[in-house]
PDB file of N, CA and C in Angstrom:
ATOM      1  N   MET A   1      79.517  -0.980 -30.106  1.00  0.00           N
ATOM      2  CA  MET A   1      80.035  -0.987 -28.747  1.00  0.00           C
ATOM      3  C   MET A   1      79.695   0.347 -28.080  1.00  0.00           C
ATOM      4  N   LEU A   2      79.311   0.268 -26.828  1.00  0.00           N
ATOM      5  CA  LEU A   2      78.980   1.470 -26.082  1.00  0.00           C
ATOM      6  C   LEU A   2      80.229   2.281 -25.775  1.00  0.00           C
ATOM      7  N   ALA A   3      80.085   3.583 -25.827  1.00  0.00           N
ATOM      8  CA  ALA A   3      81.196   4.451 -25.463  1.00  0.00           C
ATOM      9  C   ALA A   3      81.450   4.309 -23.966  1.00  0.00           C
ATOM     10  N   THR A   4      82.690   4.344 -23.600  1.00  0.00           N
ATOM     11  CA  THR A   4      83.042   4.242 -22.185  1.00  0.00           C
ATOM     12  C   THR A   4      83.757   5.514 -21.754  1.00  0.00           C
ATOM     13  N   GLU A   5      83.747   5.718 -20.458  1.00  0.00           N
ATOM     14  CA  GLU A   5      84.414   6.871 -19.873  1.00  0.00           C
ATOM     15  C   GLU A   5      85.147   6.387 -18.644  1.00  0.00           C
ATOM     16  N   LYS A   6      86.399   6.744 -18.540  1.00  0.00           N
ATOM     17  CA  LYS A   6      87.194   6.350 -17.385  1.00  0.00           C
ATOM     18  C   LYS A   6      86.922   7.317 -16.247  1.00  0.00           C
ATOM     19  N   VAL A   7      86.567   6.756 -15.081  1.00  0.00           N
ATOM     20  CA  VAL A   7      86.279   7.572 -13.905  1.00  0.00           C
ATOM     21  C   VAL A   7      87.063   7.024 -12.719  1.00  0.00           C
ATOM     22  N   THR A   8      87.222   7.862 -11.736  1.00  0.00           N
ATOM     23  CA  THR A   8      87.864   7.446 -10.494  1.00  0.00           C
ATOM     24  C   THR A   8      86.826   7.532  -9.390  1.00  0.00           C
ATOM     25  N   LEU A   9      86.619   6.433  -8.692  1.00  0.00           N
ATOM     26  CA  LEU A   9      85.666   6.384  -7.601  1.00  0.00           C
ATOM     27  C   LEU A   9      86.386   6.048  -6.311  1.00  0.00           C
ATOM     28  N   THR A  10      85.877   6.558  -5.229  1.00  0.00           N
ATOM     29  CA  THR A  10      86.383   6.189  -3.916  1.00  0.00           C
ATOM     30  C   THR A  10      85.292   5.386  -3.237  1.00  0.00           C
ATOM     31  N   LEU A  11      85.584   4.129  -2.971  1.00  0.00           N
ATOM     32  CA  LEU A  11      84.617   3.225  -2.366  1.00  0.00           C
ATOM     33  C   LEU A  11      85.190   2.644  -1.078  1.00  0.00           C
ATOM     34  N   PRO A  12      84.333   2.267  -0.148  1.00  0.00           N
ATOM     35  CA  PRO A  12      84.820   1.619   1.071  1.00  0.00           C
ATOM     36  C   PRO A  12      85.571   0.324   0.729  1.00  0.00           C
ATOM     37  N   ALA A  13      86.601   0.039   1.484  1.00  0.00           N
ATOM     38  CA  ALA A  13      87.444  -1.123   1.219  1.00  0.00           C
ATOM     39  C   ALA A  13      86.648  -2.419   1.273  1.00  0.00           C
ATOM     40  N   ASP A  14      85.721  -2.531   2.226  1.00  0.00           N
ATOM     41  CA  ASP A  14      84.947  -3.773   2.322  1.00  0.00           C
ATOM     42  C   ASP A  14      84.043  -3.969   1.110  1.00  0.00           C
ATOM     43  N   LEU A  15      83.550  -2.867   0.532  1.00  0.00           N
ATOM     44  CA  LEU A  15      82.718  -2.963  -0.663  1.00  0.00           C
ATOM     45  C   LEU A  15      83.553  -3.420  -1.854  1.00  0.00           C
ATOM     46  N   MET A  16      84.725  -2.866  -2.021  1.00  0.00           N
ATOM     47  CA  MET A  16      85.604  -3.293  -3.119  1.00  0.00           C
ATOM     48  C   MET A  16      86.059  -4.729  -2.938  1.00  0.00           C
ATOM     49  N   ALA A  17      86.262  -5.150  -1.703  1.00  0.00           N
ATOM     50  CA  ALA A  17      86.633  -6.549  -1.461  1.00  0.00           C
ATOM     51  C   ALA A  17      85.501  -7.476  -1.906  1.00  0.00           C
ATOM     52  N   ALA A  18      84.273  -7.071  -1.639  1.00  0.00           N
ATOM     53  CA  ALA A  18      83.122  -7.871  -2.068  1.00  0.00           C
ATOM     54  C   ALA A  18      83.020  -7.898  -3.589  1.00  0.00           C
ATOM     55  N   VAL A  19      83.267  -6.764  -4.239  1.00  0.00           N
ATOM     56  CA  VAL A  19      83.243  -6.716  -5.706  1.00  0.00           C
ATOM     57  C   VAL A  19      84.294  -7.646  -6.274  1.00  0.00           C
ATOM     58  N   ARG A  20      85.487  -7.588  -5.742  1.00  0.00           N
ATOM     59  CA  ARG A  20      86.568  -8.462  -6.235  1.00  0.00           C
ATOM     60  C   ARG A  20      86.238  -9.934  -6.014  1.00  0.00           C
ATOM     61  N   ALA A  21      85.602 -10.227  -4.900  1.00  0.00           N
ATOM     62  CA  ALA A  21      85.260 -11.627  -4.595  1.00  0.00           C
ATOM     63  C   ALA A  21      84.138 -12.137  -5.497  1.00  0.00           C
ATOM     64  N   MET A  22      83.224 -11.270  -5.879  1.00  0.00           N
ATOM     65  CA  MET A  22      82.055 -11.707  -6.644  1.00  0.00           C
ATOM     66  C   MET A  22      82.224 -11.599  -8.147  1.00  0.00           C
ATOM     67  N   SER A  23      83.133 -10.780  -8.617  1.00  0.00           N
ATOM     68  CA  SER A  23      83.274 -10.578 -10.058  1.00  0.00           C
ATOM     69  C   SER A  23      84.430 -11.413 -10.601  1.00  0.00           C
ATOM     70  N   PRO A  24      84.315 -11.793 -11.875  1.00  0.00           N
ATOM     71  CA  PRO A  24      85.436 -12.519 -12.489  1.00  0.00           C
ATOM     72  C   PRO A  24      86.694 -11.652 -12.504  1.00  0.00           C
ATOM     73  N   ALA A  25      87.816 -12.287 -12.594  1.00  0.00           N
ATOM     74  CA  ALA A  25      89.090 -11.564 -12.598  1.00  0.00           C
ATOM     75  C   ALA A  25      89.104 -10.517 -13.707  1.00  0.00           C
ATOM     76  N   ARG A  26      89.546  -9.339 -13.369  1.00  0.00           N
ATOM     77  CA  ARG A  26      89.698  -8.219 -14.300  1.00  0.00           C
ATOM     78  C   ARG A  26      88.378  -7.801 -14.941  1.00  0.00           C
ATOM     79  N   ARG A  27      87.263  -8.039 -14.259  1.00  0.00           N
ATOM     80  CA  ARG A  27      85.943  -7.631 -14.757  1.00  0.00           C
ATOM     81  C   ARG A  27      85.200  -6.769 -13.742  1.00  0.00           C
ATOM     82  N   GLN A  28      85.941  -6.119 -12.843  1.00  0.00           N
ATOM     83  CA  GLN A  28      85.297  -5.309 -11.824  1.00  0.00           C
ATOM     84  C   GLN A  28      84.511  -4.148 -12.436  1.00  0.00           C
ATOM     85  N   SER A  29      85.035  -3.527 -13.478  1.00  0.00           N
ATOM     86  CA  SER A  29      84.337  -2.401 -14.104  1.00  0.00           C
ATOM     87  C   SER A  29      82.995  -2.845 -14.659  1.00  0.00           C
ATOM     88  N   GLN A  30      82.988  -3.991 -15.340  1.00  0.00           N
ATOM     89  CA  GLN A  30      81.740  -4.515 -15.891  1.00  0.00           C
ATOM     90  C   GLN A  30      80.756  -4.846 -14.764  1.00  0.00           C
ATOM     91  N   PHE A  31      81.253  -5.457 -13.709  1.00  0.00           N
ATOM     92  CA  PHE A  31      80.415  -5.813 -12.561  1.00  0.00           C
ATOM     93  C   PHE A  31      79.779  -4.562 -11.949  1.00  0.00           C
ATOM     94  N   ILE A  32      80.585  -3.534 -11.745  1.00  0.00           N
ATOM     95  CA  ILE A  32      80.086  -2.292 -11.143  1.00  0.00           C
ATOM     96  C   ILE A  32      79.097  -1.610 -12.089  1.00  0.00           C
ATOM     97  N   ALA A  33      79.382  -1.602 -13.390  1.00  0.00           N
ATOM     98  CA  ALA A  33      78.462  -0.996 -14.361  1.00  0.00           C
ATOM     99  C   ALA A  33      77.112  -1.710 -14.337  1.00  0.00           C
ATOM    100  N   GLU A  34      77.120  -3.036 -14.286  1.00  0.00           N
ATOM    101  CA  GLU A  34      75.868  -3.796 -14.229  1.00  0.00           C
ATOM    102  C   GLU A  34      75.112  -3.522 -12.928  1.00  0.00           C
ATOM    103  N   ALA A  35      75.835  -3.400 -11.822  1.00  0.00           N
ATOM    104  CA  ALA A  35      75.196  -3.098 -10.542  1.00  0.00           C
ATOM    105  C   ALA A  35      74.554  -1.705 -10.575  1.00  0.00           C
ATOM    106  N   ILE A  36      75.239  -0.742 -11.168  1.00  0.00           N
ATOM    107  CA  ILE A  36      74.694   0.613 -11.265  1.00  0.00           C
ATOM    108  C   ILE A  36      73.467   0.619 -12.171  1.00  0.00           C
ATOM    109  N   ARG A  37      73.540  -0.099 -13.305  1.00  0.00           N
ATOM    110  CA  ARG A  37      72.368  -0.182 -14.200  1.00  0.00           C
ATOM    111  C   ARG A  37      71.172  -0.788 -13.475  1.00  0.00           C
ATOM    112  N   ALA A  38      71.396  -1.854 -12.718  1.00  0.00           N
ATOM    113  CA  ALA A  38      70.304  -2.494 -11.972  1.00  0.00           C
ATOM    114  C   ALA A  38      69.725  -1.538 -10.941  1.00  0.00           C
ATOM    115  N   TYR A  39      70.577  -0.802 -10.261  1.00  0.00           N
ATOM    116  CA  TYR A  39      70.111   0.169  -9.267  1.00  0.00           C
ATOM    117  C   TYR A  39      69.287   1.270  -9.925  1.00  0.00           C
ATOM    118  N   ILE A  40      69.781   1.802 -11.033  1.00  0.00           N
ATOM    119  CA  ILE A  40      69.050   2.867 -11.741  1.00  0.00           C
ATOM    120  C   ILE A  40      67.700   2.347 -12.229  1.00  0.00           C
ATOM    121  N   ALA A  41      67.665   1.147 -12.779  1.00  0.00           N
ATOM    122  CA  ALA A  41      66.404   0.564 -13.254  1.00  0.00           C
ATOM    123  C   ALA A  41      65.414   0.418 -12.105  1.00  0.00           C
ATOM    124  N   GLU A  42      65.880  -0.038 -10.952  1.00  0.00           N
ATOM    125  CA  GLU A  42      64.996  -0.185  -9.794  1.00  0.00           C
ATOM    126  C   GLU A  42      64.488   1.171  -9.316  1.00  0.00           C
ATOM    127  N   GLN A  43      65.339   2.175  -9.310  1.00  0.00           N
ATOM    128  CA  GLN A  43      64.913   3.519  -8.910  1.00  0.00           C
ATOM    129  C   GLN A  43      63.862   4.067  -9.882  1.00  0.00           C
ATOM    130  N   GLN A  44      64.048   3.800 -11.174  1.00  0.00           N
ATOM    131  CA  GLN A  44      63.073   4.247 -12.172  1.00  0.00           C
ATOM    132  C   GLN A  44      61.742   3.523 -11.994  1.00  0.00           C
ATOM    133  N   ARG A  45      61.782   2.215 -11.723  1.00  0.00           N
ATOM    134  CA  ARG A  45      60.546   1.460 -11.477  1.00  0.00           C
ATOM    135  C   ARG A  45      59.828   1.996 -10.247  1.00  0.00           C
ATOM    136  N   GLN A  46      60.575   2.291  -9.200  1.00  0.00           N
ATOM    137  CA  GLN A  46      59.967   2.820  -7.977  1.00  0.00           C
ATOM    138  C   GLN A  46      59.356   4.193  -8.225  1.00  0.00           C
ATOM    139  N   ALA A  47      60.030   5.035  -8.997  1.00  0.00           N
ATOM    140  CA  ALA A  47      59.494   6.359  -9.312  1.00  0.00           C
ATOM    141  C   ALA A  47      58.204   6.228 -10.125  1.00  0.00           C
ATOM    142  N   LEU A  48      58.153   5.274 -11.052  1.00  0.00           N
ATOM    143  CA  LEU A  48      56.939   5.044 -11.829  1.00  0.00           C
ATOM    144  C   LEU A  48      55.811   4.556 -10.927  1.00  0.00           C
ATOM    145  N   ARG A  49      56.114   3.606 -10.030  1.00  0.00           N
ATOM    146  CA  ARG A  49      55.095   3.134  -9.082  1.00  0.00           C
ATOM    147  C   ARG A  49      54.561   4.290  -8.247  1.00  0.00           C
ATOM    148  N   ASP A  50      55.442   5.156  -7.789  1.00  0.00           N
ATOM    149  CA  ASP A  50      55.026   6.306  -6.978  1.00  0.00           C
ATOM    150  C   ASP A  50      54.122   7.247  -7.780  1.00  0.00           C
ATOM    151  N   ARG A  51      54.497   7.512  -9.051  1.00  0.00           N
ATOM    152  CA  ARG A  51      53.667   8.383  -9.886  1.00  0.00           C
ATOM    153  C   ARG A  51      52.308   7.752 -10.164  1.00  0.00           C
ATOM    154  N   LEU A  52      52.287   6.454 -10.451  1.00  0.00           N
ATOM    155  CA  LEU A  52      51.015   5.768 -10.698  1.00  0.00           C
ATOM    156  C   LEU A  52      50.131   5.805  -9.458  1.00  0.00           C
ATOM    157  N   MET A  53      50.724   5.521  -8.304  1.00  0.00           N
ATOM    158  CA  MET A  53      49.960   5.529  -7.060  1.00  0.00           C
ATOM    159  C   MET A  53      49.378   6.919  -6.792  1.00  0.00           C
ATOM    160  N   ALA A  54      50.179   7.957  -6.999  1.00  0.00           N
ATOM    161  CA  ALA A  54      49.694   9.324  -6.797  1.00  0.00           C
ATOM    162  C   ALA A  54      48.553   9.633  -7.757  1.00  0.00           C
ATOM    163  N   GLY A  55      48.669   9.186  -8.995  1.00  0.00           N
ATOM    164  CA  GLY A  55      47.608   9.410  -9.969  1.00  0.00           C
ATOM    165  C   GLY A  55      46.336   8.676  -9.593  1.00  0.00           C
ATOM    166  N   TYR A  56      46.474   7.421  -9.158  1.00  0.00           N
ATOM    167  CA  TYR A  56      45.301   6.654  -8.738  1.00  0.00           C
ATOM    168  C   TYR A  56      44.621   7.324  -7.545  1.00  0.00           C
ATOM    169  N   GLN A  57      45.421   7.779  -6.601  1.00  0.00           N
ATOM    170  CA  GLN A  57      44.856   8.416  -5.415  1.00  0.00           C
ATOM    171  C   GLN A  57      44.209   9.759  -5.758  1.00  0.00           C
ATOM    172  N   ALA A  58      44.806  10.500  -6.664  1.00  0.00           N
ATOM    173  CA  ALA A  58      44.256  11.795  -7.052  1.00  0.00           C
ATOM    174  C   ALA A  58      42.916  11.636  -7.772  1.00  0.00           C
ATOM    175  N   ASN A  59      42.753  10.537  -8.482  1.00  0.00           N
ATOM    176  CA  ASN A  59      41.534  10.313  -9.255  1.00  0.00           C
ATOM    177  C   ASN A  59      40.550   9.387  -8.560  1.00  0.00           C
ATOM    178  N   ALA A  60      40.820   8.978  -7.352  1.00  0.00           N
ATOM    179  CA  ALA A  60      39.994   7.978  -6.677  1.00  0.00           C
ATOM    180  C   ALA A  60      38.538   8.415  -6.544  1.00  0.00           C
ATOM    181  N   ASP A  61      38.290   9.647  -6.144  1.00  0.00           N
ATOM    182  CA  ASP A  61      36.912  10.115  -5.970  1.00  0.00           C
ATOM    183  C   ASP A  61      36.158  10.120  -7.296  1.00  0.00           C
ATOM    184  N   ALA A  62      36.796  10.612  -8.353  1.00  0.00           N
ATOM    185  CA  ALA A  62      36.149  10.651  -9.670  1.00  0.00           C
ATOM    186  C   ALA A  62      35.898   9.234 -10.179  1.00  0.00           C
ATOM    187  N   ASP A  63      36.857   8.334  -9.960  1.00  0.00           N
ATOM    188  CA  ASP A  63      36.695   6.942 -10.396  1.00  0.00           C
ATOM    189  C   ASP A  63      35.562   6.258  -9.644  1.00  0.00           C
ATOM    190  N   ALA A  64      35.452   6.516  -8.346  1.00  0.00           N
ATOM    191  CA  ALA A  64      34.377   5.921  -7.549  1.00  0.00           C
ATOM    192  C   ALA A  64      33.018   6.457  -7.999  1.00  0.00           C
ATOM    193  N   ALA A  65      32.943   7.743  -8.308  1.00  0.00           N
ATOM    194  CA  ALA A  65      31.689   8.335  -8.779  1.00  0.00           C
ATOM    195  C   ALA A  65      31.285   7.745 -10.122  1.00  0.00           C
ATOM    196  N   LEU A  66      32.238   7.565 -11.006  1.00  0.00           N
ATOM    197  CA  LEU A  66      31.953   6.972 -12.312  1.00  0.00           C
ATOM    198  C   LEU A  66      31.484   5.529 -12.162  1.00  0.00           C
ATOM    199  N   ALA A  67      32.128   4.777 -11.299  1.00  0.00           N
ATOM    200  CA  ALA A  67      31.721   3.389 -11.059  1.00  0.00           C
ATOM    201  C   ALA A  67      30.304   3.337 -10.491  1.00  0.00           C
ATOM    202  N   ALA A  68      29.977   4.257  -9.603  1.00  0.00           N
ATOM    203  CA  ALA A  68      28.635   4.296  -9.010  1.00  0.00           C
ATOM    204  C   ALA A  68      27.588   4.605 -10.077  1.00  0.00           C
ATOM    205  N   GLU A  69      27.918   5.474 -11.040  1.00  0.00           N
ATOM    206  CA  GLU A  69      26.983   5.808 -12.113  1.00  0.00           C
ATOM    207  C   GLU A  69      26.623   4.586 -12.949  1.00  0.00           C
ATOM    208  N   TRP A  70      27.577   3.700 -13.153  1.00  0.00           N
ATOM    209  CA  TRP A  70      27.375   2.542 -14.022  1.00  0.00           C
ATOM    210  C   TRP A  70      26.975   1.288 -13.261  1.00  0.00           C
ATOM    211  N   GLU A  71      26.881   1.365 -11.964  1.00  0.00           N
ATOM    212  CA  GLU A  71      26.589   0.171 -11.157  1.00  0.00           C
ATOM    213  C   GLU A  71      25.256  -0.470 -11.536  1.00  0.00           C
ATOM    214  N   ALA A  72      24.225   0.317 -11.732  1.00  0.00           N
ATOM    215  CA  ALA A  72      22.912  -0.230 -12.081  1.00  0.00           C
ATOM    216  C   ALA A  72      22.958  -0.945 -13.427  1.00  0.00           C
ATOM    217  N   VAL A  73      23.642  -0.381 -14.386  1.00  0.00           N
ATOM    218  CA  VAL A  73      23.760  -1.003 -15.704  1.00  0.00           C
ATOM    219  C   VAL A  73      24.518  -2.322 -15.609  1.00  0.00           C
ATOM    220  N   GLU A  74      25.588  -2.337 -14.841  1.00  0.00           N
ATOM    221  CA  GLU A  74      26.361  -3.574 -14.650  1.00  0.00           C
ATOM    222  C   GLU A  74      25.516  -4.646 -13.984  1.00  0.00           C
ATOM    223  N   ASP A  75      24.783  -4.262 -12.957  1.00  0.00           N
ATOM    224  CA  ASP A  75      23.923  -5.225 -12.262  1.00  0.00           C
ATOM    225  C   ASP A  75      22.881  -5.801 -13.208  1.00  0.00           C
ATOM    226  N   GLU A  76      22.268  -4.953 -14.002  1.00  0.00           N
ATOM    227  CA  GLU A  76      21.254  -5.404 -14.948  1.00  0.00           C
ATOM    228  C   GLU A  76      21.869  -6.358 -15.977  1.00  0.00           C
ATOM    229  N   THR A  77      23.047  -6.032 -16.454  1.00  0.00           N
ATOM    230  CA  THR A  77      23.725  -6.897 -17.426  1.00  0.00           C
ATOM    231  C   THR A  77      24.015  -8.254 -16.824  1.00  0.00           C
ATOM    232  N   TRP A  78      24.523  -8.290 -15.623  1.00  0.00           N
ATOM    233  CA  TRP A  78      24.806  -9.568 -14.965  1.00  0.00           C
ATOM    234  C   TRP A  78      23.521 -10.373 -14.772  1.00  0.00           C
ATOM    235  N   LEU A  79      22.447  -9.718 -14.389  1.00  0.00           N
ATOM    236  CA  LEU A  79      21.186 -10.434 -14.185  1.00  0.00           C
ATOM    237  C   LEU A  79      20.663 -11.012 -15.488  1.00  0.00           C
ATOM    238  N   ASN A  80      20.825 -10.275 -16.571  1.00  0.00           N
ATOM    239  CA  ASN A  80      20.331 -10.731 -17.871  1.00  0.00           C
ATOM    240  C   ASN A  80      21.227 -11.788 -18.504  1.00  0.00           C
ATOM    241  N   GLN A  81      22.490 -11.794 -18.176  1.00  0.00           N
ATOM    242  CA  GLN A  81      23.436 -12.699 -18.821  1.00  0.00           C
ATOM    243  C   GLN A  81      23.766 -13.936 -17.994  1.00  0.00           C
ATOM    244  N   THR A  82      23.453 -13.931 -16.729  1.00  0.00           N
ATOM    245  CA  THR A  82      23.794 -15.037 -15.847  1.00  0.00           C
ATOM    246  C   THR A  82      22.563 -15.914 -15.655  1.00  0.00           C
ATOM    247  N   PRO A  83      22.663 -17.222 -16.006  1.00  0.00           N
ATOM    248  CA  PRO A  83      21.503 -18.096 -15.807  1.00  0.00           C
ATOM    249  C   PRO A  83      21.197 -18.261 -14.329  1.00  0.00           C
ATOM    250  N   MET A  84      19.921 -18.329 -14.022  1.00  0.00           N
ATOM    251  CA  MET A  84      19.500 -18.535 -12.645  1.00  0.00           C
ATOM    252  C   MET A  84      19.840 -19.960 -12.225  1.00  0.00           C
ATOM    253  N   ALA A  85      19.981 -20.169 -10.934  1.00  0.00           N
ATOM    254  CA  ALA A  85      20.325 -21.496 -10.424  1.00  0.00           C
ATOM    255  C   ALA A  85      19.276 -22.524 -10.829  1.00  0.00           C
ATOM    256  N   SER A  86      18.003 -22.150 -10.837  1.00  0.00           N
ATOM    257  CA  SER A  86      16.942 -23.084 -11.210  1.00  0.00           C
ATOM    258  C   SER A  86      16.999 -23.452 -12.684  1.00  0.00           C
ATOM    259  N   GLU A  87      17.556 -22.571 -13.530  1.00  0.00           N
ATOM    260  CA  GLU A  87      17.662 -22.846 -14.953  1.00  0.00           C
ATOM    261  C   GLU A  87      18.785 -23.825 -15.256  1.00  0.00           C
ATOM    262  N   LYS A  88      19.774 -23.937 -14.376  1.00  0.00           N
ATOM    263  CA  LYS A  88      20.932 -24.820 -14.596  1.00  0.00           C
ATOM    264  C   LYS A  88      20.524 -26.277 -14.445  1.00  0.00           C
ATOM    265  N   GLU A  89      19.501 -26.553 -13.668  1.00  0.00           N
ATOM    266  CA  GLU A  89      19.143 -27.947 -13.367  1.00  0.00           C
ATOM    267  C   GLU A  89      18.310 -28.552 -14.420  1.00  0.00           C
TER     268      GLU A  89
END
C-alpha cells in the first residue's frame, strides 16, 4: 500500500461541489489523487514533447545535410530494386 499524507487544501466551493458530485461517496481523496496524477502525467508528456521538438529543431540543419548526402544512394537503390512499369506487364 502506498504511504499517504494528510493535507489541508483550500479549493473553490464550486470545484469541491463538482468533486462531490462526480466521485463515489467518501472517495473524494481518491478522486482528487487520481486527478492530480493525471494532471502530472499530462504535464510530463507535454514537457517531453517540448524537449523532443526542441531537439528536432536544433538538429534540423544537420539532419537535412545528412539526408542530402545519402539522397543519391537512396535514389540508386530504389531504381535498382523497383521493377519498371514495362517489366510488370
